[in-house]
């Protein structure tokens, strides 16, 4: 178990980032194709 205690502002920014869908995957487009075409 890993628990990270952040300052309130840092926690708010972290939670907002975690709420977003995956970012721009253009640099890993081939990897996303591999992911989507296998058991992953």
ModelCIF file with pLDDT and N, C-alpha, C, O atoms, coordinates in Angstrom:
data_MODEL
#
_entry.id   MODEL 
#
_entity.id                         1 
_entity.type                       polymer 
_entity.pdbx_number_of_molecules   1 
#
_entity_poly.entity_id                      1 
_entity_poly.type                           'polypeptide(L)' 
_entity_poly.nstd_linkage                   no 
_entity_poly.nstd_monomer                   no 
_entity_poly.pdbx_seq_one_letter_code       
;(UNK)(UNK)(UNK)(UNK)(UNK)(UNK)(UNK)(UNK)(UNK)(UNK)(UNK)(UNK)(UNK)(UNK)(UNK)(UNK)
(UNK)(UNK)(UNK)(UNK)(UNK)(UNK)(UNK)(UNK)(UNK)(UNK)(UNK)(UNK)(UNK)(UNK)(UNK)(UNK)
(UNK)(UNK)(UNK)(UNK)(UNK)(UNK)(UNK)(UNK)
;
_entity_poly.pdbx_seq_one_letter_code_can   XXXXXXXXXXXXXXXXXXXXXXXXXXXXXXXXXXXXXXXX 
_entity_poly.pdbx_strand_id                 A 
#
loop_
_entity_poly_seq.entity_id 
_entity_poly_seq.num 
_entity_poly_seq.mon_id 
_entity_poly_seq.hetero 
1 1  UNK n 
1 2  UNK n 
1 3  UNK n 
1 4  UNK n 
1 5  UNK n 
1 6  UNK n 
1 7  UNK n 
1 8  UNK n 
1 9  UNK n 
1 10 UNK n 
1 11 UNK n 
1 12 UNK n 
1 13 UNK n 
1 14 UNK n 
1 15 UNK n 
1 16 UNK n 
1 17 UNK n 
1 18 UNK n 
1 19 UNK n 
1 20 UNK n 
1 21 UNK n 
1 22 UNK n 
1 23 UNK n 
1 24 UNK n 
1 25 UNK n 
1 26 UNK n 
1 27 UNK n 
1 28 UNK n 
1 29 UNK n 
1 30 UNK n 
1 31 UNK n 
1 32 UNK n 
1 33 UNK n 
1 34 UNK n 
1 35 UNK n 
1 36 UNK n 
1 37 UNK n 
1 38 UNK n 
1 39 UNK n 
1 40 UNK n 
#
_struct_asym.id          A 
_struct_asym.entity_id   1 
#
loop_
_ma_qa_metric.id 
_ma_qa_metric.mode 
_ma_qa_metric.name 
_ma_qa_metric.software_group_id 
_ma_qa_metric.type 
1 global pLDDT . pLDDT 
2 local  pLDDT . pLDDT 
#
_ma_qa_metric_global.metric_id      1 
_ma_qa_metric_global.metric_value   89.00 
_ma_qa_metric_global.model_id       1 
_ma_qa_metric_global.ordinal_id     1 
#
loop_
_ma_qa_metric_local.label_asym_id 
_ma_qa_metric_local.label_comp_id 
_ma_qa_metric_local.label_seq_id 
_ma_qa_metric_local.metric_id 
_ma_qa_metric_local.metric_value 
_ma_qa_metric_local.model_id 
_ma_qa_metric_local.ordinal_id 
A UNK 1  2 94.00 1 1  
A UNK 2  2 94.00 1 2  
A UNK 3  2 95.00 1 3  
A UNK 4  2 95.00 1 4  
A UNK 5  2 95.00 1 5  
A UNK 6  2 95.00 1 6  
A UNK 7  2 96.00 1 7  
A UNK 8  2 94.00 1 8  
A UNK 9  2 94.00 1 9  
A UNK 10 2 95.00 1 10 
A UNK 11 2 95.00 1 11 
A UNK 12 2 94.00 1 12 
A UNK 13 2 94.00 1 13 
A UNK 14 2 94.00 1 14 
A UNK 15 2 94.00 1 15 
A UNK 16 2 92.00 1 16 
A UNK 17 2 91.00 1 17 
A UNK 18 2 93.00 1 18 
A UNK 19 2 91.00 1 19 
A UNK 20 2 90.00 1 20 
A UNK 21 2 89.00 1 21 
A UNK 22 2 85.00 1 22 
A UNK 23 2 76.00 1 23 
A UNK 24 2 74.00 1 24 
A UNK 25 2 70.00 1 25 
A UNK 26 2 72.00 1 26 
A UNK 27 2 72.00 1 27 
A UNK 28 2 77.00 1 28 
A UNK 29 2 86.00 1 29 
A UNK 30 2 90.00 1 30 
A UNK 31 2 89.00 1 31 
A UNK 32 2 90.00 1 32 
A UNK 33 2 91.00 1 33 
A UNK 34 2 91.00 1 34 
A UNK 35 2 91.00 1 35 
A UNK 36 2 91.00 1 36 
A UNK 37 2 89.00 1 37 
A UNK 38 2 88.00 1 38 
A UNK 39 2 86.00 1 39 
A UNK 40 2 88.00 1 40 
#
loop_
_atom_site.group_PDB 
_atom_site.id 
_atom_site.type_symbol 
_atom_site.label_atom_id 
_atom_site.label_alt_id 
_atom_site.label_comp_id 
_atom_site.label_asym_id 
_atom_site.label_entity_id 
_atom_site.label_seq_id 
_atom_site.pdbx_PDB_ins_code 
_atom_site.Cartn_x 
_atom_site.Cartn_y 
_atom_site.Cartn_z 
_atom_site.occupancy 
_atom_site.B_iso_or_equiv 
_atom_site.pdbx_formal_charge 
_atom_site.auth_seq_id 
_atom_site.auth_comp_id 
_atom_site.auth_asym_id 
_atom_site.auth_atom_id 
_atom_site.pdbx_PDB_model_num 
ATOM 1   N N  . UNK A 1 1  ? 0.861   -1.184 0.000   1.00 94.00 ? 1  UNK A N  1 
ATOM 2   C CA . UNK A 1 1  ? 0.000   0.000  0.000   1.00 94.00 ? 1  UNK A CA 1 
ATOM 3   C C  . UNK A 1 1  ? 0.895   1.230  0.000   1.00 94.00 ? 1  UNK A C  1 
ATOM 4   O O  . UNK A 1 1  ? 1.831   1.323  0.793   1.00 94.00 ? 1  UNK A O  1 
ATOM 5   N N  . UNK A 1 2  ? 0.606   2.171  -0.889  1.00 94.00 ? 2  UNK A N  1 
ATOM 6   C CA . UNK A 1 2  ? 1.323   3.444  -0.927  1.00 94.00 ? 2  UNK A CA 1 
ATOM 7   C C  . UNK A 1 2  ? 0.314   4.569  -0.784  1.00 94.00 ? 2  UNK A C  1 
ATOM 8   O O  . UNK A 1 2  ? -0.596  4.704  -1.602  1.00 94.00 ? 2  UNK A O  1 
ATOM 9   N N  . UNK A 1 3  ? 0.477   5.381  0.263   1.00 95.00 ? 3  UNK A N  1 
ATOM 10  C CA . UNK A 1 3  ? -0.384  6.544  0.474   1.00 95.00 ? 3  UNK A CA 1 
ATOM 11  C C  . UNK A 1 3  ? 0.484   7.789  0.381   1.00 95.00 ? 3  UNK A C  1 
ATOM 12  O O  . UNK A 1 3  ? 1.476   7.920  1.097   1.00 95.00 ? 3  UNK A O  1 
ATOM 13  N N  . UNK A 1 4  ? 0.107   8.699  -0.502  1.00 95.00 ? 4  UNK A N  1 
ATOM 14  C CA . UNK A 1 4  ? 0.847   9.943  -0.688  1.00 95.00 ? 4  UNK A CA 1 
ATOM 15  C C  . UNK A 1 4  ? 0.008   11.082 -0.113  1.00 95.00 ? 4  UNK A C  1 
ATOM 16  O O  . UNK A 1 4  ? -1.101  11.342 -0.580  1.00 95.00 ? 4  UNK A O  1 
ATOM 17  N N  . UNK A 1 5  ? 0.543   11.759 0.902   1.00 95.00 ? 5  UNK A N  1 
ATOM 18  C CA . UNK A 1 5  ? -0.139  12.906 1.503   1.00 95.00 ? 5  UNK A CA 1 
ATOM 19  C C  . UNK A 1 5  ? 0.393   14.178 0.854   1.00 95.00 ? 5  UNK A C  1 
ATOM 20  O O  . UNK A 1 5  ? 1.564   14.521 1.016   1.00 95.00 ? 5  UNK A O  1 
ATOM 21  N N  . UNK A 1 6  ? -0.469  14.874 0.120   1.00 95.00 ? 6  UNK A N  1 
ATOM 22  C CA . UNK A 1 6  ? -0.085  16.084 -0.610  1.00 95.00 ? 6  UNK A CA 1 
ATOM 23  C C  . UNK A 1 6  ? -0.629  17.324 0.083   1.00 95.00 ? 6  UNK A C  1 
ATOM 24  O O  . UNK A 1 6  ? -1.615  17.255 0.817   1.00 95.00 ? 6  UNK A O  1 
ATOM 25  N N  . UNK A 1 7  ? 0.019   18.453 -0.154  1.00 96.00 ? 7  UNK A N  1 
ATOM 26  C CA . UNK A 1 7  ? -0.592  19.732 0.205   1.00 96.00 ? 7  UNK A CA 1 
ATOM 27  C C  . UNK A 1 7  ? -1.901  19.866 -0.557  1.00 96.00 ? 7  UNK A C  1 
ATOM 28  O O  . UNK A 1 7  ? -2.044  19.308 -1.645  1.00 96.00 ? 7  UNK A O  1 
ATOM 29  N N  . UNK A 1 8  ? -2.859  20.599 0.001   1.00 94.00 ? 8  UNK A N  1 
ATOM 30  C CA . UNK A 1 8  ? -4.196  20.645 -0.586  1.00 94.00 ? 8  UNK A CA 1 
ATOM 31  C C  . UNK A 1 8  ? -4.167  21.034 -2.057  1.00 94.00 ? 8  UNK A C  1 
ATOM 32  O O  . UNK A 1 8  ? -4.837  20.402 -2.873  1.00 94.00 ? 8  UNK A O  1 
ATOM 33  N N  . UNK A 1 9  ? -3.402  22.066 -2.412  1.00 94.00 ? 9  UNK A N  1 
ATOM 34  C CA . UNK A 1 9  ? -3.340  22.501 -3.800  1.00 94.00 ? 9  UNK A CA 1 
ATOM 35  C C  . UNK A 1 9  ? -2.770  21.436 -4.716  1.00 94.00 ? 9  UNK A C  1 
ATOM 36  O O  . UNK A 1 9  ? -3.265  21.233 -5.825  1.00 94.00 ? 9  UNK A O  1 
ATOM 37  N N  . UNK A 1 10 ? -1.716  20.746 -4.250  1.00 95.00 ? 10 UNK A N  1 
ATOM 38  C CA . UNK A 1 10 ? -1.123  19.674 -5.052  1.00 95.00 ? 10 UNK A CA 1 
ATOM 39  C C  . UNK A 1 10 ? -2.099  18.527 -5.219  1.00 95.00 ? 10 UNK A C  1 
ATOM 40  O O  . UNK A 1 10 ? -2.182  17.933 -6.294  1.00 95.00 ? 10 UNK A O  1 
ATOM 41  N N  . UNK A 1 11 ? -2.840  18.208 -4.163  1.00 95.00 ? 11 UNK A N  1 
ATOM 42  C CA . UNK A 1 11 ? -3.827  17.129 -4.269  1.00 95.00 ? 11 UNK A CA 1 
ATOM 43  C C  . UNK A 1 11 ? -4.921  17.487 -5.260  1.00 95.00 ? 11 UNK A C  1 
ATOM 44  O O  . UNK A 1 11 ? -5.309  16.653 -6.079  1.00 95.00 ? 11 UNK A O  1 
ATOM 45  N N  . UNK A 1 12 ? -5.423  18.715 -5.199  1.00 94.00 ? 12 UNK A N  1 
ATOM 46  C CA . UNK A 1 12 ? -6.487  19.128 -6.126  1.00 94.00 ? 12 UNK A CA 1 
ATOM 47  C C  . UNK A 1 12 ? -6.025  19.016 -7.576  1.00 94.00 ? 12 UNK A C  1 
ATOM 48  O O  . UNK A 1 12 ? -6.776  18.556 -8.436  1.00 94.00 ? 12 UNK A O  1 
ATOM 49  N N  . UNK A 1 13 ? -4.794  19.433 -7.846  1.00 94.00 ? 13 UNK A N  1 
ATOM 50  C CA . UNK A 1 13 ? -4.267  19.332 -9.212  1.00 94.00 ? 13 UNK A CA 1 
ATOM 51  C C  . UNK A 1 13 ? -4.100  17.871 -9.633  1.00 94.00 ? 13 UNK A C  1 
ATOM 52  O O  . UNK A 1 13 ? -4.376  17.512 -10.777 1.00 94.00 ? 13 UNK A O  1 
ATOM 53  N N  . UNK A 1 14 ? -3.648  17.039 -8.704  1.00 94.00 ? 14 UNK A N  1 
ATOM 54  C CA . UNK A 1 14 ? -3.489  15.612 -9.013  1.00 94.00 ? 14 UNK A CA 1 
ATOM 55  C C  . UNK A 1 14 ? -4.842  14.981 -9.344  1.00 94.00 ? 14 UNK A C  1 
ATOM 56  O O  . UNK A 1 14 ? -4.964  14.245 -10.323 1.00 94.00 ? 14 UNK A O  1 
ATOM 57  N N  . UNK A 1 15 ? -5.851  15.270 -8.532  1.00 94.00 ? 15 UNK A N  1 
ATOM 58  C CA . UNK A 1 15 ? -7.163  14.664 -8.754  1.00 94.00 ? 15 UNK A CA 1 
ATOM 59  C C  . UNK A 1 15 ? -7.761  15.135 -10.079 1.00 94.00 ? 15 UNK A C  1 
ATOM 60  O O  . UNK A 1 15 ? -8.366  14.343 -10.803 1.00 94.00 ? 15 UNK A O  1 
ATOM 61  N N  . UNK A 1 16 ? -7.598  16.406 -10.395 1.00 92.00 ? 16 UNK A N  1 
ATOM 62  C CA . UNK A 1 16 ? -8.091  16.910 -11.680 1.00 92.00 ? 16 UNK A CA 1 
ATOM 63  C C  . UNK A 1 16 ? -7.406  16.201 -12.840 1.00 92.00 ? 16 UNK A C  1 
ATOM 64  O O  . UNK A 1 16 ? -8.054  15.870 -13.833 1.00 92.00 ? 16 UNK A O  1 
ATOM 65  N N  . UNK A 1 17 ? -6.110  15.967 -12.726 1.00 91.00 ? 17 UNK A N  1 
ATOM 66  C CA . UNK A 1 17 ? -5.372  15.279 -13.782 1.00 91.00 ? 17 UNK A CA 1 
ATOM 67  C C  . UNK A 1 17 ? -5.832  13.828 -13.911 1.00 91.00 ? 17 UNK A C  1 
ATOM 68  O O  . UNK A 1 17 ? -5.956  13.306 -15.018 1.00 91.00 ? 17 UNK A O  1 
ATOM 69  N N  . UNK A 1 18 ? -6.085  13.179 -12.765 1.00 93.00 ? 18 UNK A N  1 
ATOM 70  C CA . UNK A 1 18 ? -6.515  11.786 -12.809 1.00 93.00 ? 18 UNK A CA 1 
ATOM 71  C C  . UNK A 1 18 ? -7.923  11.632 -13.388 1.00 93.00 ? 18 UNK A C  1 
ATOM 72  O O  . UNK A 1 18 ? -8.271  10.572 -13.909 1.00 93.00 ? 18 UNK A O  1 
ATOM 73  N N  . UNK A 1 19 ? -8.726  12.688 -13.294 1.00 91.00 ? 19 UNK A N  1 
ATOM 74  C CA . UNK A 1 19 ? -10.104 12.632 -13.804 1.00 91.00 ? 19 UNK A CA 1 
ATOM 75  C C  . UNK A 1 19 ? -10.153 12.717 -15.323 1.00 91.00 ? 19 UNK A C  1 
ATOM 76  O O  . UNK A 1 19 ? -11.154 12.335 -15.928 1.00 91.00 ? 19 UNK A O  1 
ATOM 77  N N  . UNK A 1 20 ? -9.099  13.208 -15.945 1.00 90.00 ? 20 UNK A N  1 
ATOM 78  C CA . UNK A 1 20 ? -9.106  13.369 -17.396 1.00 90.00 ? 20 UNK A CA 1 
ATOM 79  C C  . UNK A 1 20 ? -8.889  12.024 -18.081 1.00 90.00 ? 20 UNK A C  1 
ATOM 80  O O  . UNK A 1 20 ? -8.261  11.133 -17.509 1.00 90.00 ? 20 UNK A O  1 
ATOM 81  N N  . UNK A 1 21 ? -9.406  11.868 -19.307 1.00 89.00 ? 21 UNK A N  1 
ATOM 82  C CA . UNK A 1 21 ? -9.086  10.676 -20.088 1.00 89.00 ? 21 UNK A CA 1 
ATOM 83  C C  . UNK A 1 21 ? -7.627  10.711 -20.505 1.00 89.00 ? 21 UNK A C  1 
ATOM 84  O O  . UNK A 1 21 ? -6.927  11.692 -20.253 1.00 89.00 ? 21 UNK A O  1 
ATOM 85  N N  . UNK A 1 22 ? -7.174  9.662  -21.132 1.00 85.00 ? 22 UNK A N  1 
ATOM 86  C CA . UNK A 1 22 ? -5.772  9.603  -21.537 1.00 85.00 ? 22 UNK A CA 1 
ATOM 87  C C  . UNK A 1 22 ? -5.428  10.753 -22.471 1.00 85.00 ? 22 UNK A C  1 
ATOM 88  O O  . UNK A 1 22 ? -6.238  11.166 -23.300 1.00 85.00 ? 22 UNK A O  1 
ATOM 89  N N  . UNK A 1 23 ? -4.227  11.252 -22.321 1.00 76.00 ? 23 UNK A N  1 
ATOM 90  C CA . UNK A 1 23 ? -3.806  12.413 -23.093 1.00 76.00 ? 23 UNK A CA 1 
ATOM 91  C C  . UNK A 1 23 ? -3.496  12.068 -24.536 1.00 76.00 ? 23 UNK A C  1 
ATOM 92  O O  . UNK A 1 23 ? -3.859  11.000 -25.029 1.00 76.00 ? 23 UNK A O  1 
ATOM 93  N N  . UNK A 1 24 ? -2.825  12.983 -25.198 1.00 74.00 ? 24 UNK A N  1 
ATOM 94  C CA . UNK A 1 24 ? -2.462  12.801 -26.603 1.00 74.00 ? 24 UNK A CA 1 
ATOM 95  C C  . UNK A 1 24 ? -1.581  11.563 -26.745 1.00 74.00 ? 24 UNK A C  1 
ATOM 96  O O  . UNK A 1 24 ? -0.499  11.490 -26.162 1.00 74.00 ? 24 UNK A O  1 
ATOM 97  N N  . UNK A 1 25 ? -2.046  10.608 -27.510 1.00 70.00 ? 25 UNK A N  1 
ATOM 98  C CA . UNK A 1 25 ? -1.323  9.345  -27.671 1.00 70.00 ? 25 UNK A CA 1 
ATOM 99  C C  . UNK A 1 25 ? -0.648  9.243  -29.025 1.00 70.00 ? 25 UNK A C  1 
ATOM 100 O O  . UNK A 1 25 ? -0.277  8.148  -29.447 1.00 70.00 ? 25 UNK A O  1 
ATOM 101 N N  . UNK A 1 26 ? -0.481  10.366 -29.715 1.00 72.00 ? 26 UNK A N  1 
ATOM 102 C CA . UNK A 1 26 ? 0.106   10.318 -31.057 1.00 72.00 ? 26 UNK A CA 1 
ATOM 103 C C  . UNK A 1 26 ? 1.520   9.743  -31.029 1.00 72.00 ? 26 UNK A C  1 
ATOM 104 O O  . UNK A 1 26 ? 1.923   9.020  -31.941 1.00 72.00 ? 26 UNK A O  1 
ATOM 105 N N  . UNK A 1 27 ? 2.276   10.073 -29.964 1.00 72.00 ? 27 UNK A N  1 
ATOM 106 C CA . UNK A 1 27 ? 3.638   9.554  -29.884 1.00 72.00 ? 27 UNK A CA 1 
ATOM 107 C C  . UNK A 1 27 ? 3.650   8.055  -29.647 1.00 72.00 ? 27 UNK A C  1 
ATOM 108 O O  . UNK A 1 27 ? 4.632   7.381  -29.959 1.00 72.00 ? 27 UNK A O  1 
ATOM 109 N N  . UNK A 1 28 ? 2.565   7.532  -29.098 1.00 77.00 ? 28 UNK A N  1 
ATOM 110 C CA . UNK A 1 28 ? 2.493   6.095  -28.843 1.00 77.00 ? 28 UNK A CA 1 
ATOM 111 C C  . UNK A 1 28 ? 1.386   5.427  -29.610 1.00 77.00 ? 28 UNK A C  1 
ATOM 112 O O  . UNK A 1 28 ? 0.823   4.433  -29.150 1.00 77.00 ? 28 UNK A O  1 
ATOM 113 N N  . UNK A 1 29 ? 1.060   5.959  -30.784 1.00 86.00 ? 29 UNK A N  1 
ATOM 114 C CA . UNK A 1 29 ? -0.061  5.436  -31.557 1.00 86.00 ? 29 UNK A CA 1 
ATOM 115 C C  . UNK A 1 29 ? 0.107   3.958  -31.878 1.00 86.00 ? 29 UNK A C  1 
ATOM 116 O O  . UNK A 1 29 ? -0.858  3.197  -31.812 1.00 86.00 ? 29 UNK A O  1 
ATOM 117 N N  . UNK A 1 30 ? 1.314   3.548  -32.224 1.00 90.00 ? 30 UNK A N  1 
ATOM 118 C CA . UNK A 1 30 ? 1.546   2.143  -32.538 1.00 90.00 ? 30 UNK A CA 1 
ATOM 119 C C  . UNK A 1 30 ? 1.342   1.276  -31.297 1.00 90.00 ? 30 UNK A C  1 
ATOM 120 O O  . UNK A 1 30 ? 0.794   0.177  -31.379 1.00 90.00 ? 30 UNK A O  1 
ATOM 121 N N  . UNK A 1 31 ? 1.791   1.786  -30.144 1.00 89.00 ? 31 UNK A N  1 
ATOM 122 C CA . UNK A 1 31 ? 1.611   1.046  -28.906 1.00 89.00 ? 31 UNK A CA 1 
ATOM 123 C C  . UNK A 1 31 ? 0.143   0.900  -28.544 1.00 89.00 ? 31 UNK A C  1 
ATOM 124 O O  . UNK A 1 31 ? -0.267  -0.136 -28.023 1.00 89.00 ? 31 UNK A O  1 
ATOM 125 N N  . UNK A 1 32 ? -0.658  1.935  -28.817 1.00 90.00 ? 32 UNK A N  1 
ATOM 126 C CA . UNK A 1 32 ? -2.089  1.827  -28.540 1.00 90.00 ? 32 UNK A CA 1 
ATOM 127 C C  . UNK A 1 32 ? -2.733  0.772  -29.424 1.00 90.00 ? 32 UNK A C  1 
ATOM 128 O O  . UNK A 1 32 ? -3.632  0.055  -28.987 1.00 90.00 ? 32 UNK A O  1 
ATOM 129 N N  . UNK A 1 33 ? -2.277  0.677  -30.664 1.00 91.00 ? 33 UNK A N  1 
ATOM 130 C CA . UNK A 1 33 ? -2.798  -0.378 -31.551 1.00 91.00 ? 33 UNK A CA 1 
ATOM 131 C C  . UNK A 1 33 ? -2.449  -1.758 -31.003 1.00 91.00 ? 33 UNK A C  1 
ATOM 132 O O  . UNK A 1 33 ? -3.272  -2.673 -31.037 1.00 91.00 ? 33 UNK A O  1 
ATOM 133 N N  . UNK A 1 34 ? -1.226  -1.904 -30.497 1.00 91.00 ? 34 UNK A N  1 
ATOM 134 C CA . UNK A 1 34 ? -0.825  -3.185 -29.900 1.00 91.00 ? 34 UNK A CA 1 
ATOM 135 C C  . UNK A 1 34 ? -1.706  -3.493 -28.692 1.00 91.00 ? 34 UNK A C  1 
ATOM 136 O O  . UNK A 1 34 ? -2.184  -4.616 -28.533 1.00 91.00 ? 34 UNK A O  1 
ATOM 137 N N  . UNK A 1 35 ? -1.914  -2.494 -27.847 1.00 91.00 ? 35 UNK A N  1 
ATOM 138 C CA . UNK A 1 35 ? -2.748  -2.676 -26.654 1.00 91.00 ? 35 UNK A CA 1 
ATOM 139 C C  . UNK A 1 35 ? -4.166  -3.102 -27.033 1.00 91.00 ? 35 UNK A C  1 
ATOM 140 O O  . UNK A 1 35 ? -4.712  -4.036 -26.446 1.00 91.00 ? 35 UNK A O  1 
ATOM 141 N N  . UNK A 1 36 ? -4.748  -2.435 -27.989 1.00 91.00 ? 36 UNK A N  1 
ATOM 142 C CA . UNK A 1 36 ? -6.143  -2.681 -28.348 1.00 91.00 ? 36 UNK A CA 1 
ATOM 143 C C  . UNK A 1 36 ? -6.338  -3.983 -29.116 1.00 91.00 ? 36 UNK A C  1 
ATOM 144 O O  . UNK A 1 36 ? -7.460  -4.481 -29.208 1.00 91.00 ? 36 UNK A O  1 
ATOM 145 N N  . UNK A 1 37 ? -5.269  -4.539 -29.664 1.00 89.00 ? 37 UNK A N  1 
ATOM 146 C CA . UNK A 1 37 ? -5.414  -5.754 -30.475 1.00 89.00 ? 37 UNK A CA 1 
ATOM 147 C C  . UNK A 1 37 ? -4.984  -7.011 -29.727 1.00 89.00 ? 37 UNK A C  1 
ATOM 148 O O  . UNK A 1 37 ? -4.938  -8.093 -30.313 1.00 89.00 ? 37 UNK A O  1 
ATOM 149 N N  . UNK A 1 38 ? -4.666  -6.882 -28.431 1.00 88.00 ? 38 UNK A N  1 
ATOM 150 C CA . UNK A 1 38 ? -4.256  -8.036 -27.644 1.00 88.00 ? 38 UNK A CA 1 
ATOM 151 C C  . UNK A 1 38 ? -5.141  -8.182 -26.400 1.00 88.00 ? 38 UNK A C  1 
ATOM 152 O O  . UNK A 1 38 ? -6.116  -7.453 -26.217 1.00 88.00 ? 38 UNK A O  1 
ATOM 153 N N  . UNK A 1 39 ? -4.768  -9.149 -25.551 1.00 86.00 ? 39 UNK A N  1 
ATOM 154 C CA . UNK A 1 39 ? -5.573  -9.430 -24.364 1.00 86.00 ? 39 UNK A CA 1 
ATOM 155 C C  . UNK A 1 39 ? -5.663  -8.255 -23.408 1.00 86.00 ? 39 UNK A C  1 
ATOM 156 O O  . UNK A 1 39 ? -6.566  -8.204 -22.573 1.00 86.00 ? 39 UNK A O  1 
ATOM 157 N N  . UNK A 1 40 ? -4.730  -7.301 -23.520 1.00 88.00 ? 40 UNK A N  1 
ATOM 158 C CA . UNK A 1 40 ? -4.704  -6.151 -22.609 1.00 88.00 ? 40 UNK A CA 1 
ATOM 159 C C  . UNK A 1 40 ? -6.064  -5.481 -22.520 1.00 88.00 ? 40 UNK A C  1 
ATOM 160 O O  . UNK A 1 40 ? -6.222  -4.497 -21.797 1.00 88.00 ? 40 UNK A O  1 
#
